């Protein structure tokens, strides 16, 4: 699965932007098409979620874009509330991804696991 396809899947196949705009946002978050064109969860999940976060924040800051979301909701304020909740969920998912070079001791794992 390509990065663009995985990004669209994460966004529920909502067409907020064009593929070129999605690709630009992915590049801004560290994606390089020349190295790996396909999605790899182990290496690309954080970058993908950061891009999702950028997209959701852009949508929540633009009333015209938000109207695309509003079709599922009765008002723009309902759509905005949903987007804010989704942004917080994505932030939580990003925070839960361990850093690749981060070392853990038994002591730190006691306090980081739920």
PDB file of N, CA and C in Angstrom:
ATOM      1  N   UNK A   1       0.853  -1.168   0.000  1.00  0.00           N
ATOM      2  CA  UNK A   1       0.000   0.000   0.000  1.00  0.00           C
ATOM      3  C   UNK A   1       0.904   1.238   0.000  1.00  0.00           C
ATOM      4  N   UNK A   2       0.583   2.179  -0.853  1.00  0.00           N
ATOM      5  CA  UNK A   2       1.396   3.394  -0.924  1.00  0.00           C
ATOM      6  C   UNK A   2       1.102   4.297   0.272  1.00  0.00           C
ATOM      7  N   UNK A   3       1.980   5.246   0.502  1.00  0.00           N
ATOM      8  CA  UNK A   3       1.792   6.195   1.604  1.00  0.00           C
ATOM      9  C   UNK A   3       0.521   7.017   1.402  1.00  0.00           C
ATOM     10  N   UNK A   4       0.268   7.440   0.182  1.00  0.00           N
ATOM     11  CA  UNK A   4      -0.936   8.235  -0.089  1.00  0.00           C
ATOM     12  C   UNK A   4      -2.184   7.408   0.213  1.00  0.00           C
ATOM     13  N   UNK A   5      -2.189   6.150  -0.228  1.00  0.00           N
ATOM     14  CA  UNK A   5      -3.343   5.279   0.031  1.00  0.00           C
ATOM     15  C   UNK A   5      -3.543   5.065   1.528  1.00  0.00           C
ATOM     16  N   UNK A   6      -2.444   4.883   2.262  1.00  0.00           N
ATOM     17  CA  UNK A   6      -2.544   4.678   3.710  1.00  0.00           C
ATOM     18  C   UNK A   6      -3.022   5.946   4.404  1.00  0.00           C
ATOM     19  N   UNK A   7      -2.563   7.094   3.923  1.00  0.00           N
ATOM     20  CA  UNK A   7      -3.007   8.368   4.471  1.00  0.00           C
ATOM     21  C   UNK A   7      -4.508   8.549   4.254  1.00  0.00           C
ATOM     22  N   UNK A   8      -4.972   8.242   3.060  1.00  0.00           N
ATOM     23  CA  UNK A   8      -6.406   8.354   2.771  1.00  0.00           C
ATOM     24  C   UNK A   8      -7.216   7.395   3.637  1.00  0.00           C
ATOM     25  N   UNK A   9      -6.689   6.208   3.876  1.00  0.00           N
ATOM     26  CA  UNK A   9      -7.358   5.249   4.743  1.00  0.00           C
ATOM     27  C   UNK A   9      -7.477   5.801   6.158  1.00  0.00           C
ATOM     28  N   UNK A  10      -6.418   6.402   6.646  1.00  0.00           N
ATOM     29  CA  UNK A  10      -6.428   7.006   7.984  1.00  0.00           C
ATOM     30  C   UNK A  10      -7.428   8.156   8.069  1.00  0.00           C
ATOM     31  N   UNK A  11      -7.641   8.841   6.966  1.00  0.00           N
ATOM     32  CA  UNK A  11      -8.580   9.966   6.920  1.00  0.00           C
ATOM     33  C   UNK A  11      -9.995   9.525   6.561  1.00  0.00           C
ATOM     34  N   UNK A  12     -10.225   8.226   6.491  1.00  0.00           N
ATOM     35  CA  UNK A  12     -11.560   7.730   6.168  1.00  0.00           C
ATOM     36  C   UNK A  12     -11.962   8.023   4.733  1.00  0.00           C
ATOM     37  N   UNK A  13     -10.970   8.107   3.848  1.00  0.00           N
ATOM     38  CA  UNK A  13     -11.181   8.373   2.424  1.00  0.00           C
ATOM     39  C   UNK A  13     -11.900   9.692   2.171  1.00  0.00           C
ATOM     40  N   UNK A  14     -11.726  10.649   3.071  1.00  0.00           N
ATOM     41  CA  UNK A  14     -12.246  12.002   2.851  1.00  0.00           C
ATOM     42  C   UNK A  14     -11.271  12.736   1.933  1.00  0.00           C
ATOM     43  N   UNK A  15     -11.778  13.388   0.937  1.00  0.00           N
ATOM     44  CA  UNK A  15     -10.946  14.108  -0.031  1.00  0.00           C
ATOM     45  C   UNK A  15     -10.833  15.578   0.368  1.00  0.00           C
ATOM     46  N   UNK A  16     -10.089  15.842   1.426  1.00  0.00           N
ATOM     47  CA  UNK A  16      -9.892  17.222   1.857  1.00  0.00           C
ATOM     48  C   UNK A  16      -8.979  17.970   0.896  1.00  0.00           C
ATOM     49  N   UNK A  17      -7.941  17.287   0.402  1.00  0.00           N
ATOM     50  CA  UNK A  17      -6.941  17.898  -0.464  1.00  0.00           C
ATOM     51  C   UNK A  17      -6.672  16.978  -1.652  1.00  0.00           C
ATOM     52  N   UNK A  18      -5.883  17.476  -2.596  1.00  0.00           N
ATOM     53  CA  UNK A  18      -5.472  16.663  -3.743  1.00  0.00           C
ATOM     54  C   UNK A  18      -4.326  15.746  -3.332  1.00  0.00           C
ATOM     55  N   UNK A  19      -4.038  14.753  -4.161  1.00  0.00           N
ATOM     56  CA  UNK A  19      -2.917  13.853  -3.884  1.00  0.00           C
ATOM     57  C   UNK A  19      -1.592  14.616  -3.822  1.00  0.00           C
ATOM     58  N   UNK A  20      -1.427  15.611  -4.681  1.00  0.00           N
ATOM     59  CA  UNK A  20      -0.198  16.415  -4.660  1.00  0.00           C
ATOM     60  C   UNK A  20      -0.058  17.168  -3.331  1.00  0.00           C
ATOM     61  N   UNK A  21      -1.160  17.686  -2.828  1.00  0.00           N
ATOM     62  CA  UNK A  21      -1.122  18.389  -1.544  1.00  0.00           C
ATOM     63  C   UNK A  21      -0.843  17.411  -0.401  1.00  0.00           C
ATOM     64  N   UNK A  22      -1.446  16.223  -0.455  1.00  0.00           N
ATOM     65  CA  UNK A  22      -1.139  15.193   0.543  1.00  0.00           C
ATOM     66  C   UNK A  22       0.345  14.835   0.502  1.00  0.00           C
ATOM     67  N   UNK A  23       0.873  14.678  -0.706  1.00  0.00           N
ATOM     68  CA  UNK A  23       2.285  14.335  -0.863  1.00  0.00           C
ATOM     69  C   UNK A  23       3.182  15.433  -0.299  1.00  0.00           C
ATOM     70  N   UNK A  24       2.823  16.680  -0.518  1.00  0.00           N
ATOM     71  CA  UNK A  24       3.598  17.797   0.025  1.00  0.00           C
ATOM     72  C   UNK A  24       3.600  17.760   1.550  1.00  0.00           C
ATOM     73  N   UNK A  25       2.452  17.524   2.143  1.00  0.00           N
ATOM     74  CA  UNK A  25       2.380  17.441   3.609  1.00  0.00           C
ATOM     75  C   UNK A  25       3.182  16.263   4.140  1.00  0.00           C
ATOM     76  N   UNK A  26       3.154  15.139   3.439  1.00  0.00           N
ATOM     77  CA  UNK A  26       3.973  13.991   3.837  1.00  0.00           C
ATOM     78  C   UNK A  26       5.455  14.341   3.772  1.00  0.00           C
ATOM     79  N   UNK A  27       5.865  15.021   2.719  1.00  0.00           N
ATOM     80  CA  UNK A  27       7.269  15.427   2.576  1.00  0.00           C
ATOM     81  C   UNK A  27       7.679  16.370   3.704  1.00  0.00           C
ATOM     82  N   UNK A  28       6.804  17.268   4.090  1.00  0.00           N
ATOM     83  CA  UNK A  28       7.104  18.188   5.187  1.00  0.00           C
ATOM     84  C   UNK A  28       7.312  17.452   6.506  1.00  0.00           C
ATOM     85  N   UNK A  29       6.747  16.261   6.609  1.00  0.00           N
ATOM     86  CA  UNK A  29       6.903  15.469   7.823  1.00  0.00           C
ATOM     87  C   UNK A  29       7.963  14.375   7.686  1.00  0.00           C
ATOM     88  N   UNK A  30       8.782  14.453   6.625  1.00  0.00           N
ATOM     89  CA  UNK A  30       9.926  13.564   6.502  1.00  0.00           C
ATOM     90  C   UNK A  30       9.810  12.435   5.502  1.00  0.00           C
ATOM     91  N   UNK A  31       8.745  12.384   4.742  1.00  0.00           N
ATOM     92  CA  UNK A  31       8.572  11.306   3.770  1.00  0.00           C
ATOM     93  C   UNK A  31       9.405  11.565   2.532  1.00  0.00           C
ATOM     94  N   UNK A  32      10.107  10.523   2.056  1.00  0.00           N
ATOM     95  CA  UNK A  32      10.936  10.624   0.862  1.00  0.00           C
ATOM     96  C   UNK A  32      10.532   9.514  -0.099  1.00  0.00           C
ATOM     97  N   UNK A  33       9.897   9.863  -1.207  1.00  0.00           N
ATOM     98  CA  UNK A  33       9.400   8.863  -2.154  1.00  0.00           C
ATOM     99  C   UNK A  33      10.517   8.090  -2.820  1.00  0.00           C
ATOM    100  N   UNK A  34      11.712   8.648  -2.894  1.00  0.00           N
ATOM    101  CA  UNK A  34      12.812   7.950  -3.559  1.00  0.00           C
ATOM    102  C   UNK A  34      13.357   6.808  -2.710  1.00  0.00           C
ATOM    103  N   UNK A  35      13.168   6.879  -1.404  1.00  0.00           N
ATOM    104  CA  UNK A  35      13.689   5.831  -0.522  1.00  0.00           C
ATOM    105  C   UNK A  35      12.697   4.678  -0.402  1.00  0.00           C
ATOM    106  N   UNK A  36      11.467   4.990  -0.065  1.00  0.00           N
ATOM    107  CA  UNK A  36      10.478   3.944   0.158  1.00  0.00           C
ATOM    108  C   UNK A  36       9.090   4.449  -0.250  1.00  0.00           C
ATOM    109  N   UNK A  37       8.588   4.005  -1.388  1.00  0.00           N
ATOM    110  CA  UNK A  37       7.282   4.491  -1.834  1.00  0.00           C
ATOM    111  C   UNK A  37       6.099   3.867  -1.086  1.00  0.00           C
ATOM    112  N   UNK A  38       6.305   2.716  -0.461  1.00  0.00           N
ATOM    113  CA  UNK A  38       5.218   2.031   0.225  1.00  0.00           C
ATOM    114  C   UNK A  38       5.243   2.281   1.726  1.00  0.00           C
ATOM    115  N   UNK A  39       4.081   2.136   2.341  1.00  0.00           N
ATOM    116  CA  UNK A  39       3.925   2.352   3.782  1.00  0.00           C
ATOM    117  C   UNK A  39       4.492   1.177   4.560  1.00  0.00           C
ATOM    118  N   UNK A  40       5.275   1.487   5.587  1.00  0.00           N
ATOM    119  CA  UNK A  40       5.811   0.500   6.509  1.00  0.00           C
ATOM    120  C   UNK A  40       5.491   1.004   7.915  1.00  0.00           C
ATOM    121  N   UNK A  41       4.634   0.306   8.621  1.00  0.00           N
ATOM    122  CA  UNK A  41       4.157   0.786   9.924  1.00  0.00           C
ATOM    123  C   UNK A  41       5.298   1.030  10.909  1.00  0.00           C
ATOM    124  N   UNK A  42       6.280   0.162  10.905  1.00  0.00           N
ATOM    125  CA  UNK A  42       7.375   0.289  11.869  1.00  0.00           C
ATOM    126  C   UNK A  42       8.157   1.588  11.706  1.00  0.00           C
ATOM    127  N   UNK A  43       8.331   2.027  10.477  1.00  0.00           N
ATOM    128  CA  UNK A  43       9.143   3.225  10.241  1.00  0.00           C
ATOM    129  C   UNK A  43       8.333   4.473   9.890  1.00  0.00           C
ATOM    130  N   UNK A  44       7.111   4.294   9.424  1.00  0.00           N
ATOM    131  CA  UNK A  44       6.355   5.418   8.875  1.00  0.00           C
ATOM    132  C   UNK A  44       5.139   5.852   9.682  1.00  0.00           C
ATOM    133  N   UNK A  45       4.777   5.126  10.723  1.00  0.00           N
ATOM    134  CA  UNK A  45       3.532   5.423  11.433  1.00  0.00           C
ATOM    135  C   UNK A  45       3.521   6.831  12.034  1.00  0.00           C
ATOM    136  N   UNK A  46       4.606   7.214  12.689  1.00  0.00           N
ATOM    137  CA  UNK A  46       4.633   8.533  13.317  1.00  0.00           C
ATOM    138  C   UNK A  46       4.543   9.642  12.267  1.00  0.00           C
ATOM    139  N   UNK A  47       5.292   9.488  11.175  1.00  0.00           N
ATOM    140  CA  UNK A  47       5.261  10.474  10.097  1.00  0.00           C
ATOM    141  C   UNK A  47       3.857  10.580   9.515  1.00  0.00           C
ATOM    142  N   UNK A  48       3.199   9.444   9.332  1.00  0.00           N
ATOM    143  CA  UNK A  48       1.845   9.438   8.794  1.00  0.00           C
ATOM    144  C   UNK A  48       0.883  10.146   9.734  1.00  0.00           C
ATOM    145  N   UNK A  49       0.974   9.855  11.027  1.00  0.00           N
ATOM    146  CA  UNK A  49       0.075  10.484  11.993  1.00  0.00           C
ATOM    147  C   UNK A  49       0.338  11.982  12.126  1.00  0.00           C
ATOM    148  N   UNK A  50       1.590  12.398  12.017  1.00  0.00           N
ATOM    149  CA  UNK A  50       1.896  13.830  12.035  1.00  0.00           C
ATOM    150  C   UNK A  50       1.254  14.521  10.828  1.00  0.00           C
ATOM    151  N   UNK A  51       1.240  13.840   9.694  1.00  0.00           N
ATOM    152  CA  UNK A  51       0.604  14.388   8.499  1.00  0.00           C
ATOM    153  C   UNK A  51      -0.907  14.451   8.682  1.00  0.00           C
ATOM    154  N   UNK A  52      -1.491  13.422   9.269  1.00  0.00           N
ATOM    155  CA  UNK A  52      -2.927  13.431   9.564  1.00  0.00           C
ATOM    156  C   UNK A  52      -3.252  14.612  10.472  1.00  0.00           C
ATOM    157  N   UNK A  53      -2.414  14.829  11.471  1.00  0.00           N
ATOM    158  CA  UNK A  53      -2.600  15.950  12.386  1.00  0.00           C
ATOM    159  C   UNK A  53      -2.563  17.276  11.633  1.00  0.00           C
ATOM    160  N   UNK A  54      -1.593  17.442  10.738  1.00  0.00           N
ATOM    161  CA  UNK A  54      -1.513  18.667   9.929  1.00  0.00           C
ATOM    162  C   UNK A  54      -2.777  18.866   9.101  1.00  0.00           C
ATOM    163  N   UNK A  55      -3.272  17.792   8.504  1.00  0.00           N
ATOM    164  CA  UNK A  55      -4.468  17.880   7.663  1.00  0.00           C
ATOM    165  C   UNK A  55      -5.684  18.254   8.492  1.00  0.00           C
ATOM    166  N   UNK A  56      -5.875  17.589   9.620  1.00  0.00           N
ATOM    167  CA  UNK A  56      -7.034  17.876  10.469  1.00  0.00           C
ATOM    168  C   UNK A  56      -6.989  19.301  11.009  1.00  0.00           C
ATOM    169  N   UNK A  57      -5.799  19.782  11.355  1.00  0.00           N
ATOM    170  CA  UNK A  57      -5.685  21.159  11.832  1.00  0.00           C
ATOM    171  C   UNK A  57      -5.973  22.146  10.708  1.00  0.00           C
ATOM    172  N   UNK A  58      -5.524  21.836   9.493  1.00  0.00           N
ATOM    173  CA  UNK A  58      -5.817  22.713   8.354  1.00  0.00           C
ATOM    174  C   UNK A  58      -7.316  22.756   8.086  1.00  0.00           C
ATOM    175  N   UNK A  59      -7.969  21.617   8.169  1.00  0.00           N
ATOM    176  CA  UNK A  59      -9.414  21.560   7.940  1.00  0.00           C
ATOM    177  C   UNK A  59     -10.148  22.339   9.020  1.00  0.00           C
ATOM    178  N   UNK A  60      -9.724  22.190  10.276  1.00  0.00           N
ATOM    179  CA  UNK A  60     -10.427  22.874  11.367  1.00  0.00           C
ATOM    180  C   UNK A  60     -10.209  24.385  11.337  1.00  0.00           C
ATOM    181  N   UNK A  61      -9.188  24.852  10.620  1.00  0.00           N
ATOM    182  CA  UNK A  61      -8.910  26.282  10.522  1.00  0.00           C
ATOM    183  C   UNK A  61      -9.509  26.921   9.268  1.00  0.00           C
ATOM    184  N   UNK A  62     -10.176  26.132   8.435  1.00  0.00           N
ATOM    185  CA  UNK A  62     -10.724  26.636   7.180  1.00  0.00           C
ATOM    186  C   UNK A  62     -12.200  26.256   7.094  1.00  0.00           C
ATOM    187  N   UNK A  63     -13.061  27.236   7.170  1.00  0.00           N
ATOM    188  CA  UNK A  63     -14.502  26.995   7.185  1.00  0.00           C
ATOM    189  C   UNK A  63     -14.959  26.278   5.917  1.00  0.00           C
ATOM    190  N   UNK A  64     -14.401  26.649   4.762  1.00  0.00           N
ATOM    191  CA  UNK A  64     -14.805  26.005   3.510  1.00  0.00           C
ATOM    192  C   UNK A  64     -14.449  24.517   3.515  1.00  0.00           C
ATOM    193  N   UNK A  65     -13.249  24.194   3.993  1.00  0.00           N
ATOM    194  CA  UNK A  65     -12.877  22.785   4.105  1.00  0.00           C
ATOM    195  C   UNK A  65     -13.736  22.068   5.136  1.00  0.00           C
ATOM    196  N   UNK A  66     -14.055  22.764   6.214  1.00  0.00           N
ATOM    197  CA  UNK A  66     -14.857  22.159   7.265  1.00  0.00           C
ATOM    198  C   UNK A  66     -16.252  21.805   6.758  1.00  0.00           C
ATOM    199  N   UNK A  67     -16.734  22.530   5.798  1.00  0.00           N
ATOM    200  CA  UNK A  67     -18.061  22.233   5.242  1.00  0.00           C
ATOM    201  C   UNK A  67     -18.094  20.863   4.573  1.00  0.00           C
ATOM    202  N   UNK A  68     -16.920  20.392   4.096  1.00  0.00           N
ATOM    203  CA  UNK A  68     -16.854  19.040   3.553  1.00  0.00           C
ATOM    204  C   UNK A  68     -17.107  18.018   4.660  1.00  0.00           C
ATOM    205  N   UNK A  69     -16.675  18.338   5.850  1.00  0.00           N
ATOM    206  CA  UNK A  69     -16.894  17.461   7.006  1.00  0.00           C
ATOM    207  C   UNK A  69     -18.316  17.643   7.514  1.00  0.00           C
ATOM    208  N   UNK A  70     -18.831  18.845   7.373  1.00  0.00           N
ATOM    209  CA  UNK A  70     -20.128  19.199   7.934  1.00  0.00           C
ATOM    210  C   UNK A  70     -21.266  18.347   7.375  1.00  0.00           C
ATOM    211  N   UNK A  71     -21.066  17.720   6.241  1.00  0.00           N
ATOM    212  CA  UNK A  71     -22.136  16.897   5.682  1.00  0.00           C
ATOM    213  C   UNK A  71     -22.531  15.771   6.633  1.00  0.00           C
ATOM    214  N   UNK A  72     -21.615  15.360   7.498  1.00  0.00           N
ATOM    215  CA  UNK A  72     -21.911  14.317   8.475  1.00  0.00           C
ATOM    216  C   UNK A  72     -22.536  14.890   9.741  1.00  0.00           C
ATOM    217  N   UNK A  73     -22.500  16.194   9.901  1.00  0.00           N
ATOM    218  CA  UNK A  73     -22.942  16.844  11.125  1.00  0.00           C
ATOM    219  C   UNK A  73     -24.018  17.875  10.810  1.00  0.00           C
ATOM    220  N   UNK A  74     -24.744  18.258  11.840  1.00  0.00           N
ATOM    221  CA  UNK A  74     -25.822  19.225  11.621  1.00  0.00           C
ATOM    222  C   UNK A  74     -25.318  20.655  11.519  1.00  0.00           C
ATOM    223  N   UNK A  75     -24.222  20.969  12.205  1.00  0.00           N
ATOM    224  CA  UNK A  75     -23.698  22.337  12.178  1.00  0.00           C
ATOM    225  C   UNK A  75     -22.181  22.334  12.040  1.00  0.00           C
ATOM    226  N   UNK A  76     -21.657  23.501  11.692  1.00  0.00           N
ATOM    227  CA  UNK A  76     -20.209  23.655  11.612  1.00  0.00           C
ATOM    228  C   UNK A  76     -19.574  23.476  12.985  1.00  0.00           C
ATOM    229  N   UNK A  77     -20.240  23.923  14.032  1.00  0.00           N
ATOM    230  CA  UNK A  77     -19.674  23.765  15.376  1.00  0.00           C
ATOM    231  C   UNK A  77     -19.584  22.295  15.779  1.00  0.00           C
ATOM    232  N   UNK A  78     -20.543  21.471  15.349  1.00  0.00           N
ATOM    233  CA  UNK A  78     -20.450  20.033  15.603  1.00  0.00           C
ATOM    234  C   UNK A  78     -19.248  19.433  14.873  1.00  0.00           C
ATOM    235  N   UNK A  79     -19.050  19.857  13.637  1.00  0.00           N
ATOM    236  CA  UNK A  79     -17.909  19.374  12.857  1.00  0.00           C
ATOM    237  C   UNK A  79     -16.606  19.811  13.509  1.00  0.00           C
ATOM    238  N   UNK A  80     -16.543  21.057  13.971  1.00  0.00           N
ATOM    239  CA  UNK A  80     -15.341  21.560  14.629  1.00  0.00           C
ATOM    240  C   UNK A  80     -15.054  20.769  15.902  1.00  0.00           C
ATOM    241  N   UNK A  81     -16.085  20.495  16.679  1.00  0.00           N
ATOM    242  CA  UNK A  81     -15.915  19.722  17.915  1.00  0.00           C
ATOM    243  C   UNK A  81     -15.382  18.330  17.607  1.00  0.00           C
ATOM    244  N   UNK A  82     -15.942  17.694  16.579  1.00  0.00           N
ATOM    245  CA  UNK A  82     -15.470  16.371  16.177  1.00  0.00           C
ATOM    246  C   UNK A  82     -14.003  16.428  15.755  1.00  0.00           C
ATOM    247  N   UNK A  83     -13.645  17.430  14.955  1.00  0.00           N
ATOM    248  CA  UNK A  83     -12.254  17.556  14.503  1.00  0.00           C
ATOM    249  C   UNK A  83     -11.306  17.754  15.673  1.00  0.00           C
ATOM    250  N   UNK A  84     -11.697  18.557  16.660  1.00  0.00           N
ATOM    251  CA  UNK A  84     -10.849  18.775  17.824  1.00  0.00           C
ATOM    252  C   UNK A  84     -10.651  17.480  18.616  1.00  0.00           C
ATOM    253  N   UNK A  85     -11.707  16.689  18.732  1.00  0.00           N
ATOM    254  CA  UNK A  85     -11.588  15.396  19.417  1.00  0.00           C
ATOM    255  C   UNK A  85     -10.684  14.451  18.631  1.00  0.00           C
ATOM    256  N   UNK A  86     -10.829  14.455  17.321  1.00  0.00           N
ATOM    257  CA  UNK A  86      -9.989  13.604  16.461  1.00  0.00           C
ATOM    258  C   UNK A  86      -8.536  14.042  16.530  1.00  0.00           C
ATOM    259  N   UNK A  87      -8.285  15.345  16.555  1.00  0.00           N
ATOM    260  CA  UNK A  87      -6.917  15.861  16.684  1.00  0.00           C
ATOM    261  C   UNK A  87      -6.304  15.391  17.991  1.00  0.00           C
ATOM    262  N   UNK A  88      -7.051  15.457  19.071  1.00  0.00           N
ATOM    263  CA  UNK A  88      -6.538  15.011  20.366  1.00  0.00           C
ATOM    264  C   UNK A  88      -6.241  13.511  20.353  1.00  0.00           C
ATOM    265  N   UNK A  89      -7.091  12.735  19.708  1.00  0.00           N
ATOM    266  CA  UNK A  89      -6.859  11.295  19.598  1.00  0.00           C
ATOM    267  C   UNK A  89      -5.582  10.996  18.830  1.00  0.00           C
ATOM    268  N   UNK A  90      -5.364  11.711  17.732  1.00  0.00           N
ATOM    269  CA  UNK A  90      -4.155  11.516  16.934  1.00  0.00           C
ATOM    270  C   UNK A  90      -2.925  11.923  17.739  1.00  0.00           C
ATOM    271  N   UNK A  91      -3.010  13.015  18.475  1.00  0.00           N
ATOM    272  CA  UNK A  91      -1.884  13.428  19.329  1.00  0.00           C
ATOM    273  C   UNK A  91      -1.551  12.354  20.363  1.00  0.00           C
ATOM    274  N   UNK A  92      -2.567  11.752  20.931  1.00  0.00           N
ATOM    275  CA  UNK A  92      -2.349  10.677  21.899  1.00  0.00           C
ATOM    276  C   UNK A  92      -1.684   9.471  21.246  1.00  0.00           C
ATOM    277  N   UNK A  93      -2.105   9.152  20.046  1.00  0.00           N
ATOM    278  CA  UNK A  93      -1.486   8.033  19.325  1.00  0.00           C
ATOM    279  C   UNK A  93      -0.021   8.317  19.008  1.00  0.00           C
ATOM    280  N   UNK A  94       0.279   9.557  18.635  1.00  0.00           N
ATOM    281  CA  UNK A  94       1.660   9.934  18.343  1.00  0.00           C
ATOM    282  C   UNK A  94       2.507   9.823  19.608  1.00  0.00           C
ATOM    283  N   UNK A  95       1.976  10.306  20.718  1.00  0.00           N
ATOM    284  CA  UNK A  95       2.716  10.266  21.982  1.00  0.00           C
ATOM    285  C   UNK A  95       2.982   8.833  22.436  1.00  0.00           C
ATOM    286  N   UNK A  96       2.137   7.904  22.041  1.00  0.00           N
ATOM    287  CA  UNK A  96       2.293   6.511  22.459  1.00  0.00           C
ATOM    288  C   UNK A  96       3.323   5.745  21.628  1.00  0.00           C
ATOM    289  N   UNK A  97       3.766   6.321  20.522  1.00  0.00           N
ATOM    290  CA  UNK A  97       4.758   5.653  19.681  1.00  0.00           C
ATOM    291  C   UNK A  97       6.135   5.856  20.291  1.00  0.00           C
ATOM    292  N   UNK A  98       6.823   4.772  20.639  1.00  0.00           N
ATOM    293  CA  UNK A  98       8.155   4.922  21.221  1.00  0.00           C
ATOM    294  C   UNK A  98       9.163   5.413  20.183  1.00  0.00           C
ATOM    295  N   UNK A  99      10.114   6.187  20.644  1.00  0.00           N
ATOM    296  CA  UNK A  99      11.190   6.641  19.772  1.00  0.00           C
ATOM    297  C   UNK A  99      12.092   5.453  19.458  1.00  0.00           C
ATOM    298  N   UNK A 100      12.591   5.378  18.232  1.00  0.00           N
ATOM    299  CA  UNK A 100      13.390   4.233  17.802  1.00  0.00           C
ATOM    300  C   UNK A 100      14.683   4.081  18.595  1.00  0.00           C
ATOM    301  N   UNK A 101      15.311   5.190  18.947  1.00  0.00           N
ATOM    302  CA  UNK A 101      16.586   5.128  19.650  1.00  0.00           C
ATOM    303  C   UNK A 101      16.456   5.291  21.162  1.00  0.00           C
ATOM    304  N   UNK A 102      15.245   5.311  21.652  1.00  0.00           N
ATOM    305  CA  UNK A 102      14.995   5.498  23.070  1.00  0.00           C
ATOM    306  C   UNK A 102      15.210   4.180  23.808  1.00  0.00           C
ATOM    307  N   UNK A 103      15.976   4.253  24.903  1.00  0.00           N
ATOM    308  CA  UNK A 103      16.225   3.058  25.698  1.00  0.00           C
ATOM    309  C   UNK A 103      15.341   3.087  26.932  1.00  0.00           C
ATOM    310  N   UNK A 104      14.896   1.908  27.324  1.00  0.00           N
ATOM    311  CA  UNK A 104      14.033   1.787  28.483  1.00  0.00           C
ATOM    312  C   UNK A 104      14.717   0.927  29.541  1.00  0.00           C
ATOM    313  N   UNK A 105      14.506   1.313  30.763  1.00  0.00           N
ATOM    314  CA  UNK A 105      14.931   0.465  31.869  1.00  0.00           C
ATOM    315  C   UNK A 105      13.676  -0.132  32.493  1.00  0.00           C
ATOM    316  N   UNK A 106      13.851  -1.119  33.347  1.00  0.00           N
ATOM    317  CA  UNK A 106      12.697  -1.707  34.028  1.00  0.00           C
ATOM    318  C   UNK A 106      11.958  -0.655  34.839  1.00  0.00           C
ATOM    319  N   UNK A 107      12.688   0.293  35.386  1.00  0.00           N
ATOM    320  CA  UNK A 107      12.084   1.330  36.206  1.00  0.00           C
ATOM    321  C   UNK A 107      11.150   2.222  35.381  1.00  0.00           C
ATOM    322  N   UNK A 108      11.586   2.660  34.190  1.00  0.00           N
ATOM    323  CA  UNK A 108      10.747   3.543  33.377  1.00  0.00           C
ATOM    324  C   UNK A 108       9.530   2.815  32.821  1.00  0.00           C
ATOM    325  N   UNK A 109       9.659   1.527  32.545  1.00  0.00           N
ATOM    326  CA  UNK A 109       8.524   0.770  32.028  1.00  0.00           C
ATOM    327  C   UNK A 109       7.418   0.620  33.071  1.00  0.00           C
ATOM    328  N   UNK A 110       7.780   0.598  34.345  1.00  0.00           N
ATOM    329  CA  UNK A 110       6.766   0.503  35.408  1.00  0.00           C
ATOM    330  C   UNK A 110       5.810   1.666  35.336  1.00  0.00           C
ATOM    331  N   UNK A 111       6.316   2.841  35.043  1.00  0.00           N
ATOM    332  CA  UNK A 111       5.495   4.052  35.068  1.00  0.00           C
ATOM    333  C   UNK A 111       4.936   4.446  33.689  1.00  0.00           C
ATOM    334  N   UNK A 112       5.346   3.767  32.625  1.00  0.00           N
ATOM    335  CA  UNK A 112       4.865   4.148  31.294  1.00  0.00           C
ATOM    336  C   UNK A 112       3.797   3.212  30.757  1.00  0.00           C
ATOM    337  N   UNK A 113       3.640   2.053  31.341  1.00  0.00           N
ATOM    338  CA  UNK A 113       2.635   1.087  30.868  1.00  0.00           C
ATOM    339  C   UNK A 113       1.355   1.232  31.654  1.00  0.00           C
ATOM    340  N   UNK A 114       0.239   1.050  30.964  1.00  0.00           N
ATOM    341  CA  UNK A 114      -1.054   1.127  31.648  1.00  0.00           C
ATOM    342  C   UNK A 114      -1.502  -0.249  32.036  1.00  0.00           C
TER     343      UNK A 114
END
